[in-house]
């Protein structure tokens, strides 16, 4: 049993216009209970904005969140993974790049995201299932 990105993808994510202000984005993120937003559309994301971007680039920089747009603070180098990628490769990529969120694409469309938290939880479930199957195959010692 192999797990792929499509098996653990979270499909509920927030997309916002690059022209939105940081204040509007923060309110949308709070309402939807998301720690990040994709900037642009599902078909053509232009970037990603996280709560850390808001804190480090706007709040700590003393900028007015009602005047700063997402275009000004978004991370443009968005990391994607194909829906058919194994979670071992997803985990390795996230670790090597030092990221906590990765967008999942199927064809040219973003279908969701994977977080490090989700990945760890699903890996734990996976290891438990595999261990259980191994235990049943071994059976009692005679």
C-alpha atoms as a PDB file:
ATOM      1  CA  UNK A   1       0.000   0.000   0.000  1.00  0.00           C
ATOM      2  CA  UNK A   2       1.608   3.221  -1.190  1.00  0.00           C
ATOM      3  CA  UNK A   3       0.291   6.667  -0.305  1.00  0.00           C
ATOM      4  CA  UNK A   4       0.376   9.441  -2.860  1.00  0.00           C
ATOM      5  CA  UNK A   5      -0.080  13.195  -2.577  1.00  0.00           C
ATOM      6  CA  UNK A   6      -3.653  12.818  -3.894  1.00  0.00           C
ATOM      7  CA  UNK A   7      -4.434  10.540  -0.918  1.00  0.00           C
ATOM      8  CA  UNK A   8      -3.622  13.162   1.695  1.00  0.00           C
ATOM      9  CA  UNK A   9      -4.344  16.434  -0.125  1.00  0.00           C
ATOM     10  CA  UNK A  10      -6.484  18.978   1.698  1.00  0.00           C
ATOM     11  CA  UNK A  11      -8.826  20.497  -0.864  1.00  0.00           C
ATOM     12  CA  UNK A  12     -10.195  23.412   1.121  1.00  0.00           C
ATOM     13  CA  UNK A  13      -7.861  26.341   0.628  1.00  0.00           C
ATOM     14  CA  UNK A  14      -8.135  30.074   0.321  1.00  0.00           C
ATOM     15  CA  UNK A  15      -7.448  31.931  -2.942  1.00  0.00           C
ATOM     16  CA  UNK A  16      -7.162  35.705  -2.890  1.00  0.00           C
ATOM     17  CA  UNK A  17      -6.591  38.428  -5.447  1.00  0.00           C
ATOM     18  CA  UNK A  18      -3.068  39.863  -5.637  1.00  0.00           C
ATOM     19  CA  UNK A  19      -4.642  43.328  -5.313  1.00  0.00           C
ATOM     20  CA  UNK A  20      -6.173  42.588  -1.896  1.00  0.00           C
ATOM     21  CA  UNK A  21      -4.641  44.385   1.026  1.00  0.00           C
ATOM     22  CA  UNK A  22      -2.916  42.499   3.795  1.00  0.00           C
ATOM     23  CA  UNK A  23      -5.665  43.639   6.168  1.00  0.00           C
ATOM     24  CA  UNK A  24      -8.379  42.145   3.934  1.00  0.00           C
ATOM     25  CA  UNK A  25      -6.344  38.962   3.520  1.00  0.00           C
ATOM     26  CA  UNK A  26      -5.754  38.604   7.271  1.00  0.00           C
ATOM     27  CA  UNK A  27      -9.482  38.930   7.894  1.00  0.00           C
ATOM     28  CA  UNK A  28     -10.261  36.318   5.222  1.00  0.00           C
ATOM     29  CA  UNK A  29      -7.626  34.000   6.702  1.00  0.00           C
ATOM     30  CA  UNK A  30      -9.099  34.437  10.171  1.00  0.00           C
ATOM     31  CA  UNK A  31     -12.659  33.782   8.961  1.00  0.00           C
ATOM     32  CA  UNK A  32     -11.679  30.681   6.991  1.00  0.00           C
ATOM     33  CA  UNK A  33      -9.218  29.534   9.698  1.00  0.00           C
ATOM     34  CA  UNK A  34      -6.342  29.184   7.209  1.00  0.00           C
ATOM     35  CA  UNK A  35      -2.743  30.088   7.947  1.00  0.00           C
ATOM     36  CA  UNK A  36      -1.998  30.906   4.336  1.00  0.00           C
ATOM     37  CA  UNK A  37      -3.619  31.925   1.074  1.00  0.00           C
ATOM     38  CA  UNK A  38      -2.872  31.193  -2.549  1.00  0.00           C
ATOM     39  CA  UNK A  39      -2.538  34.463  -4.412  1.00  0.00           C
ATOM     40  CA  UNK A  40      -4.257  34.267  -7.802  1.00  0.00           C
ATOM     41  CA  UNK A  41      -6.506  31.510  -9.116  1.00  0.00           C
ATOM     42  CA  UNK A  42      -6.454  27.708  -8.919  1.00  0.00           C
ATOM     43  CA  UNK A  43      -5.385  27.575 -12.556  1.00  0.00           C
ATOM     44  CA  UNK A  44      -2.621  30.159 -12.286  1.00  0.00           C
ATOM     45  CA  UNK A  45      -1.375  30.892  -8.775  1.00  0.00           C
ATOM     46  CA  UNK A  46       1.003  33.836  -8.704  1.00  0.00           C
ATOM     47  CA  UNK A  47       2.278  33.240  -5.205  1.00  0.00           C
ATOM     48  CA  UNK A  48       1.482  32.328  -1.640  1.00  0.00           C
ATOM     49  CA  UNK A  49       1.106  34.439   1.505  1.00  0.00           C
ATOM     50  CA  UNK A  50       1.492  32.925   4.953  1.00  0.00           C
ATOM     51  CA  UNK A  51       0.867  34.248   8.432  1.00  0.00           C
ATOM     52  CA  UNK A  52       4.653  34.497   8.768  1.00  0.00           C
ATOM     53  CA  UNK A  53       4.812  36.802   5.723  1.00  0.00           C
ATOM     54  CA  UNK A  54       2.287  39.095   7.383  1.00  0.00           C
ATOM     55  CA  UNK A  55       4.080  39.121  10.722  1.00  0.00           C
ATOM     56  CA  UNK A  56       7.634  39.445   9.418  1.00  0.00           C
ATOM     57  CA  UNK A  57       7.119  41.714   6.414  1.00  0.00           C
ATOM     58  CA  UNK A  58       4.244  43.937   7.517  1.00  0.00           C
ATOM     59  CA  UNK A  59       3.816  43.972  11.299  1.00  0.00           C
ATOM     60  CA  UNK A  60       7.529  43.784  12.198  1.00  0.00           C
ATOM     61  CA  UNK A  61       8.300  46.222   9.395  1.00  0.00           C
ATOM     62  CA  UNK A  62       5.858  48.759  10.814  1.00  0.00           C
ATOM     63  CA  UNK A  63       3.867  48.894   7.576  1.00  0.00           C
ATOM     64  CA  UNK A  64       0.166  49.728   7.344  1.00  0.00           C
ATOM     65  CA  UNK A  65      -1.682  46.473   6.469  1.00  0.00           C
ATOM     66  CA  UNK A  66      -4.512  48.474   4.920  1.00  0.00           C
ATOM     67  CA  UNK A  67      -2.082  49.918   2.363  1.00  0.00           C
ATOM     68  CA  UNK A  68       0.154  46.926   1.543  1.00  0.00           C
ATOM     69  CA  UNK A  69      -1.101  44.520  -1.141  1.00  0.00           C
ATOM     70  CA  UNK A  70      -0.497  40.803  -1.314  1.00  0.00           C
ATOM     71  CA  UNK A  71       1.611  41.303  -4.439  1.00  0.00           C
ATOM     72  CA  UNK A  72       4.107  43.222  -2.327  1.00  0.00           C
ATOM     73  CA  UNK A  73       4.662  40.484   0.266  1.00  0.00           C
ATOM     74  CA  UNK A  74       3.802  37.178  -1.424  1.00  0.00           C
ATOM     75  CA  UNK A  75       6.334  34.448  -2.031  1.00  0.00           C
ATOM     76  CA  UNK A  76       6.516  34.020  -5.782  1.00  0.00           C
ATOM     77  CA  UNK A  77       8.510  30.799  -5.826  1.00  0.00           C
ATOM     78  CA  UNK A  78       5.582  28.473  -5.127  1.00  0.00           C
ATOM     79  CA  UNK A  79       6.489  24.814  -4.646  1.00  0.00           C
ATOM     80  CA  UNK A  80       4.202  22.288  -6.317  1.00  0.00           C
ATOM     81  CA  UNK A  81       4.004  18.546  -6.314  1.00  0.00           C
ATOM     82  CA  UNK A  82       2.080  16.348  -8.734  1.00  0.00           C
ATOM     83  CA  UNK A  83      -0.903  14.493  -7.265  1.00  0.00           C
ATOM     84  CA  UNK A  84       0.745  11.182  -8.211  1.00  0.00           C
ATOM     85  CA  UNK A  85       3.920  11.803  -6.214  1.00  0.00           C
ATOM     86  CA  UNK A  86       4.548   9.394  -3.342  1.00  0.00           C
ATOM     87  CA  UNK A  87       4.423  10.864   0.131  1.00  0.00           C
ATOM     88  CA  UNK A  88       8.017   9.797   0.754  1.00  0.00           C
ATOM     89  CA  UNK A  89       9.095  12.172  -2.029  1.00  0.00           C
ATOM     90  CA  UNK A  90       6.726  14.878  -0.740  1.00  0.00           C
ATOM     91  CA  UNK A  91       8.234  14.581   2.730  1.00  0.00           C
ATOM     92  CA  UNK A  92      11.767  14.699   1.365  1.00  0.00           C
ATOM     93  CA  UNK A  93      11.019  17.801  -0.762  1.00  0.00           C
ATOM     94  CA  UNK A  94       9.419  19.640   2.157  1.00  0.00           C
ATOM     95  CA  UNK A  95      12.385  18.827   4.380  1.00  0.00           C
ATOM     96  CA  UNK A  96      15.027  19.781   1.800  1.00  0.00           C
ATOM     97  CA  UNK A  97      13.336  23.103   1.013  1.00  0.00           C
ATOM     98  CA  UNK A  98      12.430  23.882   4.620  1.00  0.00           C
ATOM     99  CA  UNK A  99       8.736  24.448   3.882  1.00  0.00           C
ATOM    100  CA  UNK A 100       5.606  23.533   5.811  1.00  0.00           C
ATOM    101  CA  UNK A 101       3.097  23.753   2.953  1.00  0.00           C
ATOM    102  CA  UNK A 102       3.150  22.406  -0.565  1.00  0.00           C
ATOM    103  CA  UNK A 103       0.555  22.907  -3.271  1.00  0.00           C
ATOM    104  CA  UNK A 104      -0.689  19.825  -5.123  1.00  0.00           C
ATOM    105  CA  UNK A 105      -1.370  19.988  -8.849  1.00  0.00           C
ATOM    106  CA  UNK A 106      -3.303  17.659 -11.078  1.00  0.00           C
ATOM    107  CA  UNK A 107      -2.515  18.653 -14.626  1.00  0.00           C
ATOM    108  CA  UNK A 108      -2.394  22.438 -14.679  1.00  0.00           C
ATOM    109  CA  UNK A 109      -4.770  23.005 -11.779  1.00  0.00           C
ATOM    110  CA  UNK A 110      -4.026  23.291  -8.091  1.00  0.00           C
ATOM    111  CA  UNK A 111      -6.323  20.792  -6.354  1.00  0.00           C
ATOM    112  CA  UNK A 112      -5.205  21.456  -2.790  1.00  0.00           C
ATOM    113  CA  UNK A 113      -2.261  21.455  -0.450  1.00  0.00           C
ATOM    114  CA  UNK A 114      -0.319  19.306   1.958  1.00  0.00           C
ATOM    115  CA  UNK A 115       0.999  20.575   5.264  1.00  0.00           C
ATOM    116  CA  UNK A 116       3.761  19.058   7.344  1.00  0.00           C
ATOM    117  CA  UNK A 117       1.189  18.485  10.092  1.00  0.00           C
ATOM    118  CA  UNK A 118      -1.097  16.513   7.758  1.00  0.00           C
ATOM    119  CA  UNK A 119       1.848  14.587   6.356  1.00  0.00           C
ATOM    120  CA  UNK A 120       3.016  13.511   9.817  1.00  0.00           C
ATOM    121  CA  UNK A 121      -0.481  12.476  10.889  1.00  0.00           C
ATOM    122  CA  UNK A 122      -1.072  10.435   7.748  1.00  0.00           C
ATOM    123  CA  UNK A 123       2.362   8.822   7.926  1.00  0.00           C
ATOM    124  CA  UNK A 124       1.611   7.778  11.486  1.00  0.00           C
ATOM    125  CA  UNK A 125      -1.702   6.207  10.369  1.00  0.00           C
ATOM    126  CA  UNK A 126       0.106   4.514   7.476  1.00  0.00           C
ATOM    127  CA  UNK A 127       2.814   3.037   9.711  1.00  0.00           C
ATOM    128  CA  UNK A 128       0.145   1.744  12.114  1.00  0.00           C
ATOM    129  CA  UNK A 129      -1.726   0.015   9.254  1.00  0.00           C
ATOM    130  CA  UNK A 130       1.428  -1.537   7.813  1.00  0.00           C
ATOM    131  CA  UNK A 131       2.552  -2.714  11.269  1.00  0.00           C
ATOM    132  CA  UNK A 132      -0.852  -4.275  11.849  1.00  0.00           C
ATOM    133  CA  UNK A 133      -0.707  -6.089   8.504  1.00  0.00           C
ATOM    134  CA  UNK A 134       2.787  -7.400   9.255  1.00  0.00           C
ATOM    135  CA  UNK A 135       1.613  -8.578  12.675  1.00  0.00           C
ATOM    136  CA  UNK A 136      -1.296 -10.508  11.136  1.00  0.00           C
ATOM    137  CA  UNK A 137       0.971 -12.110   8.525  1.00  0.00           C
ATOM    138  CA  UNK A 138       3.461 -13.288  11.097  1.00  0.00           C
ATOM    139  CA  UNK A 139       0.775 -14.995  13.161  1.00  0.00           C
ATOM    140  CA  UNK A 140       1.430 -16.739  16.456  1.00  0.00           C
ATOM    141  CA  UNK A 141       4.727 -18.516  17.005  1.00  0.00           C
ATOM    142  CA  UNK A 142       4.378 -22.292  17.106  1.00  0.00           C
END
